[in-house]
Amino acid sequence: MATAGRSSKIARALLNLSVIVLTIGIAAIFYTAVAYGIKKLAAYSYDFTYQIFGDVAVEAPPGRDVKVTILKGENSMNIASKLEDARVIVNKYSFYAKLKLKEYDIMPGTFILNTSMSYDEVLDTITDYTKSIDAEITVDEVEDSP
């Protein structure tokens, strides 16, 4: 009888020990996941902020030229999406944030942009109508066309 009481105490102690080990294991997994999430969020935040305030381009020079047409009345997010689809900018959301922070006025027209341009260079181009290839067409050319 003494051995039955003793074996139940050992079984209870082993059960308690396994519950403690399991609890520590679950806590370790949870805190590791939280730390990993914080690390990923910090890296994304840094990259996003660098895209807004840094000098980022899709490709190294010389890059490739891309023709982008911006329509009159087109909203900023559509323009950012169009630039991202043309691989002129890295991220449409960071470009949109930069656009809104500096309050640029984008001009309609067709622009030749390069994949090695920074956000500032892209914005300098699309906010200046004289840099549009549409601006190069003179009144004489339009009147002479059939």
Protein backbone atom coordinates (compact mmCIF):
# COMPACT_ATOMS: atom_id res chain seq x y z
CA MET A 1 0.00 0.00 0.00
CA ALA A 2 2.83 2.29 0.72
CA THR A 3 4.16 1.71 -2.77
CA ALA A 4 0.78 2.60 -4.34
CA GLY A 5 0.76 5.99 -2.54
CA ARG A 6 4.37 6.53 -3.42
CA SER A 7 3.83 5.72 -7.12
CA SER A 8 0.81 8.09 -7.32
CA LYS A 9 2.97 10.90 -5.84
CA ILE A 10 5.64 10.18 -8.47
CA ALA A 11 3.01 10.12 -11.22
CA ARG A 12 1.57 13.43 -9.95
CA ALA A 13 5.07 14.97 -9.81
CA LEU A 14 5.80 13.79 -13.37
CA LEU A 15 2.47 15.20 -14.53
CA ASN A 16 3.22 18.55 -12.89
CA LEU A 17 6.70 18.55 -14.41
CA SER A 18 5.34 17.81 -17.88
CA VAL A 19 2.75 20.61 -17.51
CA ILE A 20 5.55 23.03 -16.54
CA VAL A 21 7.73 21.95 -19.49
CA LEU A 22 4.76 22.25 -21.87
CA THR A 23 3.88 25.71 -20.51
CA ILE A 24 7.46 26.90 -20.90
CA GLY A 25 7.59 25.47 -24.44
CA ILE A 26 4.37 27.20 -25.47
CA ALA A 27 5.54 30.48 -23.90
CA ALA A 28 8.87 30.20 -25.72
CA ILE A 29 7.10 29.62 -29.05
CA PHE A 30 4.73 32.54 -28.40
CA TYR A 31 7.50 35.00 -27.46
CA THR A 32 9.63 33.87 -30.38
CA ALA A 33 6.71 34.52 -32.74
CA VAL A 34 6.13 37.94 -31.18
CA ALA A 35 9.83 38.84 -31.47
CA TYR A 36 9.86 37.67 -35.10
CA GLY A 37 6.75 39.76 -35.85
CA ILE A 38 8.29 42.85 -34.23
CA LYS A 39 11.49 42.33 -36.23
CA LYS A 40 9.54 42.01 -39.50
CA LEU A 41 7.42 45.07 -38.69
CA ALA A 42 10.50 47.12 -37.85
CA ALA A 43 12.20 46.08 -41.10
CA TYR A 44 9.09 46.91 -43.14
CA SER A 45 8.70 50.27 -41.37
CA TYR A 46 12.35 51.12 -42.02
CA ASP A 47 12.08 50.17 -45.72
CA PHE A 48 8.83 52.08 -46.15
CA THR A 49 10.24 55.20 -44.48
CA TYR A 50 13.44 54.95 -46.52
CA GLN A 51 11.38 54.75 -49.70
CA ILE A 52 9.63 57.99 -48.74
CA PHE A 53 12.59 60.01 -47.51
CA GLY A 54 15.59 58.21 -49.05
CA ASP A 55 16.94 57.91 -52.56
CA VAL A 56 15.44 54.67 -53.89
CA ALA A 57 15.11 53.43 -57.48
CA VAL A 58 13.86 50.20 -59.05
CA GLU A 59 17.04 49.57 -61.07
CA ALA A 60 20.61 50.81 -61.10
CA PRO A 61 21.58 53.23 -63.88
CA PRO A 62 21.22 53.26 -66.83
CA GLY A 63 17.82 51.55 -66.31
CA ARG A 64 15.28 51.47 -69.08
CA ASP A 65 12.94 54.15 -70.41
CA VAL A 66 9.21 53.73 -69.89
CA LYS A 67 6.43 55.81 -71.42
CA VAL A 68 3.68 56.64 -68.91
CA THR A 69 0.50 58.54 -69.74
CA ILE A 70 -1.26 60.44 -66.98
CA LEU A 71 -4.80 61.47 -67.73
CA LYS A 72 -6.39 64.72 -66.66
CA GLY A 73 -8.35 64.19 -63.42
CA GLU A 74 -6.68 60.85 -62.63
CA ASN A 75 -6.32 60.36 -58.89
CA SER A 76 -2.98 60.02 -57.13
CA MET A 77 -3.35 56.36 -56.17
CA ASN A 78 -4.16 55.38 -59.76
CA ILE A 79 -1.05 57.22 -60.91
CA ALA A 80 1.04 55.48 -58.23
CA SER A 81 -0.38 52.11 -59.31
CA LYS A 82 0.36 52.89 -62.95
CA LEU A 83 3.97 53.80 -62.06
CA GLU A 84 4.37 50.63 -60.00
CA ASP A 85 2.94 48.48 -62.81
CA ALA A 86 5.43 50.10 -65.22
CA ARG A 87 8.20 49.28 -62.69
CA VAL A 88 9.21 52.94 -62.37
CA ILE A 89 8.68 53.03 -58.59
CA VAL A 90 9.31 50.44 -55.88
CA ASN A 91 6.06 50.72 -53.92
CA LYS A 92 2.87 52.56 -54.79
CA TYR A 93 1.99 53.20 -51.14
CA SER A 94 5.31 54.84 -50.25
CA PHE A 95 5.14 56.89 -53.45
CA TYR A 96 1.59 57.96 -52.61
CA ALA A 97 2.69 58.92 -49.07
CA LYS A 98 5.56 61.02 -50.46
CA LEU A 99 3.18 62.62 -52.94
CA LYS A 100 0.75 63.59 -50.17
CA LEU A 101 3.44 64.75 -47.74
CA LYS A 102 4.92 67.22 -50.20
CA GLU A 103 1.59 68.09 -51.87
CA TYR A 104 2.76 67.78 -55.47
CA ASP A 105 0.50 68.74 -58.38
CA ILE A 106 0.81 66.06 -61.04
CA MET A 107 0.31 67.25 -64.60
CA PRO A 108 -1.52 65.26 -67.26
CA GLY A 109 0.48 64.16 -70.26
CA THR A 110 2.77 61.46 -71.55
CA PHE A 111 6.14 61.28 -69.84
CA ILE A 112 9.28 59.29 -70.53
CA LEU A 113 10.48 57.98 -67.17
CA ASN A 114 13.42 55.73 -66.38
CA THR A 115 13.50 52.77 -64.00
CA SER A 116 16.69 54.19 -62.44
CA MET A 117 14.97 57.44 -61.39
CA SER A 118 14.43 58.19 -57.71
CA TYR A 119 11.01 59.18 -56.44
CA ASP A 120 12.11 62.83 -56.42
CA GLU A 121 13.24 62.62 -60.05
CA VAL A 122 9.96 60.96 -61.07
CA LEU A 123 7.99 63.64 -59.24
CA ASP A 124 10.09 66.44 -60.76
CA THR A 125 9.24 65.05 -64.18
CA ILE A 126 5.51 64.38 -63.79
CA THR A 127 4.83 67.70 -62.07
CA ASP A 128 6.33 69.72 -64.92
CA TYR A 129 4.15 69.76 -68.04
CA THR A 130 7.04 71.02 -70.17
CA LYS A 131 8.74 67.63 -69.60
CA SER A 132 5.77 65.85 -71.16
CA ILE A 133 6.25 64.63 -74.71
CA ASP A 134 2.78 66.09 -75.36
CA ALA A 135 4.24 69.53 -74.60
CA GLU A 136 6.72 69.07 -77.43
CA ILE A 137 3.92 69.11 -80.02
CA THR A 138 3.61 72.63 -81.40
CA VAL A 139 0.48 74.38 -82.54
CA ASP A 140 1.74 74.24 -86.16
CA GLU A 141 2.02 70.43 -85.97
CA VAL A 142 -1.56 70.12 -84.73
CA GLU A 143 -2.91 72.50 -87.44
CA ASP A 144 -0.95 70.69 -90.18
CA SER A 145 -2.14 67.22 -89.18
CA PRO A 146 -4.81 65.72 -91.49
